[in-house]
All heavy atoms as atom14 arrays in JSON, in Angstrom:
{
  "sequence": "QITGGGSTNYADSVKGRFTISRTNAKNTMYLQ",
  "atom14_mask": [
    [1, 1, 1, 1, 1, 1, 1, 1, 1, 0, 0, 0, 0, 0],
    [1, 1, 1, 1, 1, 1, 1, 1, 0, 0, 0, 0, 0, 0],
    [1, 1, 1, 1, 1, 1, 1, 0, 0, 0, 0, 0, 0, 0],
    [1, 1, 1, 1, 0, 0, 0, 0, 0, 0, 0, 0, 0, 0],
    [1, 1, 1, 1, 0, 0, 0, 0, 0, 0, 0, 0, 0, 0],
    [1, 1, 1, 1, 0, 0, 0, 0, 0, 0, 0, 0, 0, 0],
    [1, 1, 1, 1, 1, 1, 0, 0, 0, 0, 0, 0, 0, 0],
    [1, 1, 1, 1, 1, 1, 1, 0, 0, 0, 0, 0, 0, 0],
    [1, 1, 1, 1, 1, 1, 1, 1, 0, 0, 0, 0, 0, 0],
    [1, 1, 1, 1, 1, 1, 1, 1, 1, 1, 1, 1, 0, 0],
    [1, 1, 1, 1, 1, 0, 0, 0, 0, 0, 0, 0, 0, 0],
    [1, 1, 1, 1, 1, 1, 1, 1, 0, 0, 0, 0, 0, 0],
    [1, 1, 1, 1, 1, 1, 0, 0, 0, 0, 0, 0, 0, 0],
    [1, 1, 1, 1, 1, 1, 1, 0, 0, 0, 0, 0, 0, 0],
    [1, 1, 1, 1, 1, 1, 1, 1, 1, 0, 0, 0, 0, 0],
    [1, 1, 1, 1, 0, 0, 0, 0, 0, 0, 0, 0, 0, 0],
    [1, 1, 1, 1, 1, 1, 1, 1, 1, 1, 1, 0, 0, 0],
    [1, 1, 1, 1, 1, 1, 1, 1, 1, 1, 1, 0, 0, 0],
    [1, 1, 1, 1, 1, 1, 1, 0, 0, 0, 0, 0, 0, 0],
    [1, 1, 1, 1, 1, 1, 1, 1, 0, 0, 0, 0, 0, 0],
    [1, 1, 1, 1, 1, 1, 0, 0, 0, 0, 0, 0, 0, 0],
    [1, 1, 1, 1, 1, 1, 1, 1, 1, 1, 1, 0, 0, 0],
    [1, 1, 1, 1, 1, 1, 1, 0, 0, 0, 0, 0, 0, 0],
    [1, 1, 1, 1, 1, 1, 1, 1, 0, 0, 0, 0, 0, 0],
    [1, 1, 1, 1, 1, 0, 0, 0, 0, 0, 0, 0, 0, 0],
    [1, 1, 1, 1, 1, 1, 1, 1, 1, 0, 0, 0, 0, 0],
    [1, 1, 1, 1, 1, 1, 1, 1, 0, 0, 0, 0, 0, 0],
    [1, 1, 1, 1, 1, 1, 1, 0, 0, 0, 0, 0, 0, 0],
    [1, 1, 1, 1, 1, 1, 1, 1, 0, 0, 0, 0, 0, 0],
    [1, 1, 1, 1, 1, 1, 1, 1, 1, 1, 1, 1, 0, 0],
    [1, 1, 1, 1, 1, 1, 1, 1, 0, 0, 0, 0, 0, 0],
    [1, 1, 1, 1, 1, 1, 1, 1, 1, 0, 0, 0, 0, 0]
  ],
  "atom14_positions": [
    [[37.68, 24.28, 261.43], [37.22, 23.19, 262.26], [36.55, 22.13, 261.4], [36.02, 22.44, 260.32], [36.27, 23.68, 263.35], [35.07, 24.44, 262.86], [34.27, 25.01, 264.02], [33.9, 24.3, 264.95], [34.0, 26.31, 263.99], [0.0, 0.0, 0.0], [0.0, 0.0, 0.0], [0.0, 0.0, 0.0], [0.0, 0.0, 0.0], [0.0, 0.0, 0.0]],
    [[36.57, 20.9, 261.9], [35.98, 19.79, 261.16], [35.34, 18.85, 262.17], [35.93, 18.53, 263.2], [37.04, 19.08, 260.29], [36.42, 17.99, 259.44], [38.2, 18.53, 261.12], [37.35, 17.47, 258.35], [0.0, 0.0, 0.0], [0.0, 0.0, 0.0], [0.0, 0.0, 0.0], [0.0, 0.0, 0.0], [0.0, 0.0, 0.0], [0.0, 0.0, 0.0]],
    [[34.13, 18.41, 261.87], [33.45, 17.48, 262.75], [33.95, 16.06, 262.51], [34.66, 15.79, 261.53], [31.94, 17.52, 262.53], [31.65, 16.99, 261.22], [31.39, 18.94, 262.63], [0.0, 0.0, 0.0], [0.0, 0.0, 0.0], [0.0, 0.0, 0.0], [0.0, 0.0, 0.0], [0.0, 0.0, 0.0], [0.0, 0.0, 0.0], [0.0, 0.0, 0.0]],
    [[33.57, 15.15, 263.38], [33.94, 13.76, 263.19], [33.41, 13.22, 261.86], [34.04, 12.36, 261.25], [0.0, 0.0, 0.0], [0.0, 0.0, 0.0], [0.0, 0.0, 0.0], [0.0, 0.0, 0.0], [0.0, 0.0, 0.0], [0.0, 0.0, 0.0], [0.0, 0.0, 0.0], [0.0, 0.0, 0.0], [0.0, 0.0, 0.0], [0.0, 0.0, 0.0]],
    [[32.29, 13.76, 261.41], [31.69, 13.33, 260.15], [32.21, 14.05, 258.92], [31.82, 13.72, 257.8], [0.0, 0.0, 0.0], [0.0, 0.0, 0.0], [0.0, 0.0, 0.0], [0.0, 0.0, 0.0], [0.0, 0.0, 0.0], [0.0, 0.0, 0.0], [0.0, 0.0, 0.0], [0.0, 0.0, 0.0], [0.0, 0.0, 0.0], [0.0, 0.0, 0.0]],
    [[33.07, 15.05, 259.14], [33.7, 15.7, 257.99], [33.13, 17.06, 257.61], [33.6, 17.68, 256.65], [0.0, 0.0, 0.0], [0.0, 0.0, 0.0], [0.0, 0.0, 0.0], [0.0, 0.0, 0.0], [0.0, 0.0, 0.0], [0.0, 0.0, 0.0], [0.0, 0.0, 0.0], [0.0, 0.0, 0.0], [0.0, 0.0, 0.0], [0.0, 0.0, 0.0]],
    [[32.16, 17.57, 258.34], [31.65, 18.91, 258.05], [32.68, 19.94, 258.49], [33.31, 19.78, 259.52], [30.33, 19.15, 258.77], [29.34, 18.25, 258.33], [0.0, 0.0, 0.0], [0.0, 0.0, 0.0], [0.0, 0.0, 0.0], [0.0, 0.0, 0.0], [0.0, 0.0, 0.0], [0.0, 0.0, 0.0], [0.0, 0.0, 0.0], [0.0, 0.0, 0.0]],
    [[32.82, 20.99, 257.7], [33.88, 21.97, 257.94], [33.33, 23.38, 258.11], [32.23, 23.7, 257.64], [34.9, 21.97, 256.79], [34.22, 22.3, 255.57], [35.55, 20.61, 256.65], [0.0, 0.0, 0.0], [0.0, 0.0, 0.0], [0.0, 0.0, 0.0], [0.0, 0.0, 0.0], [0.0, 0.0, 0.0], [0.0, 0.0, 0.0], [0.0, 0.0, 0.0]],
    [[34.13, 24.21, 258.76], [33.8, 25.61, 258.91], [35.11, 26.38, 259.01], [36.11, 25.85, 259.54], [32.94, 25.86, 260.16], [32.24, 27.2, 260.12], [32.06, 27.78, 259.05], [31.87, 27.7, 261.28], [0.0, 0.0, 0.0], [0.0, 0.0, 0.0], [0.0, 0.0, 0.0], [0.0, 0.0, 0.0], [0.0, 0.0, 0.0], [0.0, 0.0, 0.0]],
    [[35.11, 27.62, 258.51], [36.35, 28.39, 258.45], [36.14, 29.82, 258.95], [35.05, 30.39, 258.81], [36.84, 28.47, 256.99], [37.14, 27.13, 256.39], [36.17, 26.41, 255.7], [38.41, 26.55, 256.51], [36.44, 25.17, 255.15], [38.7, 25.32, 255.97], [37.69, 24.63, 255.29], [37.98, 23.39, 254.75], [0.0, 0.0, 0.0], [0.0, 0.0, 0.0]],
    [[37.21, 30.38, 259.49], [37.2, 31.81, 259.8], [37.15, 32.58, 258.48], [37.69, 32.13, 257.46], [38.45, 32.18, 260.58], [0.0, 0.0, 0.0], [0.0, 0.0, 0.0], [0.0, 0.0, 0.0], [0.0, 0.0, 0.0], [0.0, 0.0, 0.0], [0.0, 0.0, 0.0], [0.0, 0.0, 0.0], [0.0, 0.0, 0.0], [0.0, 0.0, 0.0]],
    [[36.52, 33.74, 258.52], [36.38, 34.53, 257.3], [37.75, 34.86, 256.68], [37.89, 34.95, 255.46], [35.63, 35.83, 257.6], [34.15, 35.6, 257.85], [33.64, 34.53, 257.48], [33.51, 36.5, 258.43], [0.0, 0.0, 0.0], [0.0, 0.0, 0.0], [0.0, 0.0, 0.0], [0.0, 0.0, 0.0], [0.0, 0.0, 0.0], [0.0, 0.0, 0.0]],
    [[38.76, 35.02, 257.53], [40.08, 35.43, 257.05], [40.76, 34.36, 256.19], [41.69, 34.68, 255.44], [40.97, 35.79, 258.22], [41.14, 34.69, 259.1], [0.0, 0.0, 0.0], [0.0, 0.0, 0.0], [0.0, 0.0, 0.0], [0.0, 0.0, 0.0], [0.0, 0.0, 0.0], [0.0, 0.0, 0.0], [0.0, 0.0, 0.0], [0.0, 0.0, 0.0]],
    [[40.33, 33.11, 256.29], [40.99, 32.03, 255.54], [40.04, 31.34, 254.58], [40.47, 30.47, 253.8], [41.62, 30.99, 256.49], [42.53, 31.67, 257.49], [40.56, 30.17, 257.2], [0.0, 0.0, 0.0], [0.0, 0.0, 0.0], [0.0, 0.0, 0.0], [0.0, 0.0, 0.0], [0.0, 0.0, 0.0], [0.0, 0.0, 0.0], [0.0, 0.0, 0.0]],
    [[38.78, 31.69, 254.6], [37.78, 31.03, 253.76], [38.16, 31.16, 252.28], [38.52, 32.24, 251.81], [36.41, 31.65, 254.04], [35.23, 30.81, 253.62], [33.92, 31.41, 254.12], [33.84, 31.36, 255.64], [32.53, 31.87, 256.13], [0.0, 0.0, 0.0], [0.0, 0.0, 0.0], [0.0, 0.0, 0.0], [0.0, 0.0, 0.0], [0.0, 0.0, 0.0]],
    [[38.1, 30.04, 251.59], [38.45, 30.03, 250.17], [39.92, 29.79, 249.89], [40.31, 29.55, 248.74], [0.0, 0.0, 0.0], [0.0, 0.0, 0.0], [0.0, 0.0, 0.0], [0.0, 0.0, 0.0], [0.0, 0.0, 0.0], [0.0, 0.0, 0.0], [0.0, 0.0, 0.0], [0.0, 0.0, 0.0], [0.0, 0.0, 0.0], [0.0, 0.0, 0.0]],
    [[40.74, 29.84, 250.93], [42.18, 29.65, 250.77], [42.69, 28.41, 251.51], [43.63, 27.76, 251.06], [42.95, 30.87, 251.26], [42.61, 32.15, 250.53], [43.53, 33.31, 250.96], [43.4, 33.63, 252.37], [44.4, 33.56, 253.24], [45.61, 33.16, 252.85], [44.21, 33.88, 254.52], [0.0, 0.0, 0.0], [0.0, 0.0, 0.0], [0.0, 0.0, 0.0]],
    [[42.09, 28.1, 252.65], [42.5, 26.97, 253.47], [41.46, 25.86, 253.36], [40.25, 26.13, 253.24], [42.6, 27.38, 254.94], [43.75, 28.29, 255.28], [44.52, 28.92, 254.3], [44.08, 28.51, 256.61], [45.57, 29.75, 254.62], [45.14, 29.34, 256.96], [45.87, 29.97, 255.97], [0.0, 0.0, 0.0], [0.0, 0.0, 0.0], [0.0, 0.0, 0.0]],
    [[41.94, 24.62, 253.44], [41.06, 23.46, 253.44], [41.48, 22.51, 254.56], [42.63, 22.06, 254.6], [41.12, 22.71, 252.1], [40.76, 23.61, 251.04], [40.14, 21.54, 252.1], [0.0, 0.0, 0.0], [0.0, 0.0, 0.0], [0.0, 0.0, 0.0], [0.0, 0.0, 0.0], [0.0, 0.0, 0.0], [0.0, 0.0, 0.0], [0.0, 0.0, 0.0]],
    [[40.55, 22.22, 255.44], [40.8, 21.29, 256.54], [40.25, 19.92, 256.15], [39.21, 19.81, 255.49], [40.15, 21.8, 257.85], [40.58, 20.94, 259.04], [38.64, 21.86, 257.73], [40.14, 21.52, 260.39], [0.0, 0.0, 0.0], [0.0, 0.0, 0.0], [0.0, 0.0, 0.0], [0.0, 0.0, 0.0], [0.0, 0.0, 0.0], [0.0, 0.0, 0.0]],
    [[40.97, 18.87, 256.52], [40.53, 17.5, 256.24], [41.08, 16.58, 257.31], [41.92, 16.98, 258.12], [40.98, 17.06, 254.84], [42.4, 17.07, 254.74], [0.0, 0.0, 0.0], [0.0, 0.0, 0.0], [0.0, 0.0, 0.0], [0.0, 0.0, 0.0], [0.0, 0.0, 0.0], [0.0, 0.0, 0.0], [0.0, 0.0, 0.0], [0.0, 0.0, 0.0]],
    [[40.6, 15.35, 257.29], [41.05, 14.4, 258.3], [41.01, 12.99, 257.73], [40.19, 12.69, 256.85], [40.18, 14.49, 259.56], [38.74, 14.11, 259.36], [37.87, 14.53, 260.55], [38.25, 13.83, 261.77], [37.85, 14.2, 263.0], [37.08, 15.27, 263.14], [38.21, 13.51, 264.06], [0.0, 0.0, 0.0], [0.0, 0.0, 0.0], [0.0, 0.0, 0.0]],
    [[41.89, 12.14, 258.26], [41.88, 10.71, 257.95], [41.77, 9.99, 259.29], [42.76, 9.83, 260.01], [43.15, 10.28, 257.21], [43.28, 11.03, 256.0], [43.1, 8.8, 256.89], [0.0, 0.0, 0.0], [0.0, 0.0, 0.0], [0.0, 0.0, 0.0], [0.0, 0.0, 0.0], [0.0, 0.0, 0.0], [0.0, 0.0, 0.0], [0.0, 0.0, 0.0]],
    [[40.55, 9.6, 259.64], [40.33, 9.02, 260.96], [41.13, 7.74, 261.18], [41.59, 7.48, 262.3], [38.84, 8.77, 261.17], [38.06, 10.07, 261.36], [38.62, 11.1, 261.75], [36.77, 10.03, 261.07], [0.0, 0.0, 0.0], [0.0, 0.0, 0.0], [0.0, 0.0, 0.0], [0.0, 0.0, 0.0], [0.0, 0.0, 0.0], [0.0, 0.0, 0.0]],
    [[41.3, 6.96, 260.15], [42.04, 5.7, 260.28], [43.49, 5.93, 260.67], [44.14, 5.02, 261.21], [41.96, 4.91, 258.98], [0.0, 0.0, 0.0], [0.0, 0.0, 0.0], [0.0, 0.0, 0.0], [0.0, 0.0, 0.0], [0.0, 0.0, 0.0], [0.0, 0.0, 0.0], [0.0, 0.0, 0.0], [0.0, 0.0, 0.0], [0.0, 0.0, 0.0]],
    [[44.0, 7.12, 260.41], [45.38, 7.45, 260.74], [45.48, 8.43, 261.9], [46.57, 8.91, 262.22], [46.1, 8.04, 259.52], [46.26, 7.07, 258.36], [47.06, 7.7, 257.23], [47.26, 6.72, 256.09], [48.05, 7.32, 254.98], [0.0, 0.0, 0.0], [0.0, 0.0, 0.0], [0.0, 0.0, 0.0], [0.0, 0.0, 0.0], [0.0, 0.0, 0.0]],
    [[44.33, 8.74, 262.52], [44.32, 9.73, 263.61], [45.03, 11.01, 263.19], [45.77, 11.62, 264.0], [44.96, 9.16, 264.88], [44.0, 8.3, 265.68], [42.98, 7.85, 265.17], [44.33, 8.07, 266.93], [0.0, 0.0, 0.0], [0.0, 0.0, 0.0], [0.0, 0.0, 0.0], [0.0, 0.0, 0.0], [0.0, 0.0, 0.0], [0.0, 0.0, 0.0]],
    [[44.82, 11.44, 261.97], [45.55, 12.57, 261.42], [44.6, 13.6, 260.82], [43.61, 13.24, 260.18], [46.55, 12.1, 260.35], [47.44, 11.14, 260.92], [47.38, 13.27, 259.82], [0.0, 0.0, 0.0], [0.0, 0.0, 0.0], [0.0, 0.0, 0.0], [0.0, 0.0, 0.0], [0.0, 0.0, 0.0], [0.0, 0.0, 0.0], [0.0, 0.0, 0.0]],
    [[44.94, 14.86, 261.03], [44.18, 15.97, 260.47], [45.15, 16.83, 259.66], [46.34, 16.88, 259.97], [43.55, 16.79, 261.59], [42.74, 17.98, 261.14], [41.89, 18.79, 262.52], [43.27, 19.42, 263.47], [0.0, 0.0, 0.0], [0.0, 0.0, 0.0], [0.0, 0.0, 0.0], [0.0, 0.0, 0.0], [0.0, 0.0, 0.0], [0.0, 0.0, 0.0]],
    [[44.62, 17.48, 258.64], [45.45, 18.27, 257.74], [44.89, 19.68, 257.58], [43.7, 19.92, 257.78], [45.52, 17.61, 256.36], [45.95, 16.16, 256.4], [44.99, 15.15, 256.4], [47.29, 15.81, 256.44], [45.36, 13.82, 256.44], [47.67, 14.48, 256.48], [46.71, 13.49, 256.48], [47.08, 12.18, 256.53], [0.0, 0.0, 0.0], [0.0, 0.0, 0.0]],
    [[45.77, 20.58, 257.19], [45.34, 21.92, 256.79], [46.12, 22.31, 255.54], [47.33, 22.55, 255.62], [45.57, 22.95, 257.9], [44.99, 24.34, 257.62], [43.46, 24.29, 257.58], [45.47, 25.36, 258.66], [0.0, 0.0, 0.0], [0.0, 0.0, 0.0], [0.0, 0.0, 0.0], [0.0, 0.0, 0.0], [0.0, 0.0, 0.0], [0.0, 0.0, 0.0]],
    [[45.44, 22.32, 254.41], [46.04, 22.77, 253.16], [45.86, 24.28, 253.08], [44.73, 24.78, 253.12], [45.37, 22.1, 251.97], [45.9, 22.57, 250.62], [47.34, 22.16, 250.39], [47.73, 21.03, 250.68], [48.15, 23.08, 249.86], [0.0, 0.0, 0.0], [0.0, 0.0, 0.0], [0.0, 0.0, 0.0], [0.0, 0.0, 0.0], [0.0, 0.0, 0.0]]
  ]
}
């Protein structure tokens, strides 16, 4: 999960492997 301000939190099962991000100007969110 990611807040509007960019703070993130992850489930333990994916922590350290997944990265969530967002580009508000493009109304787009990503999951690496």
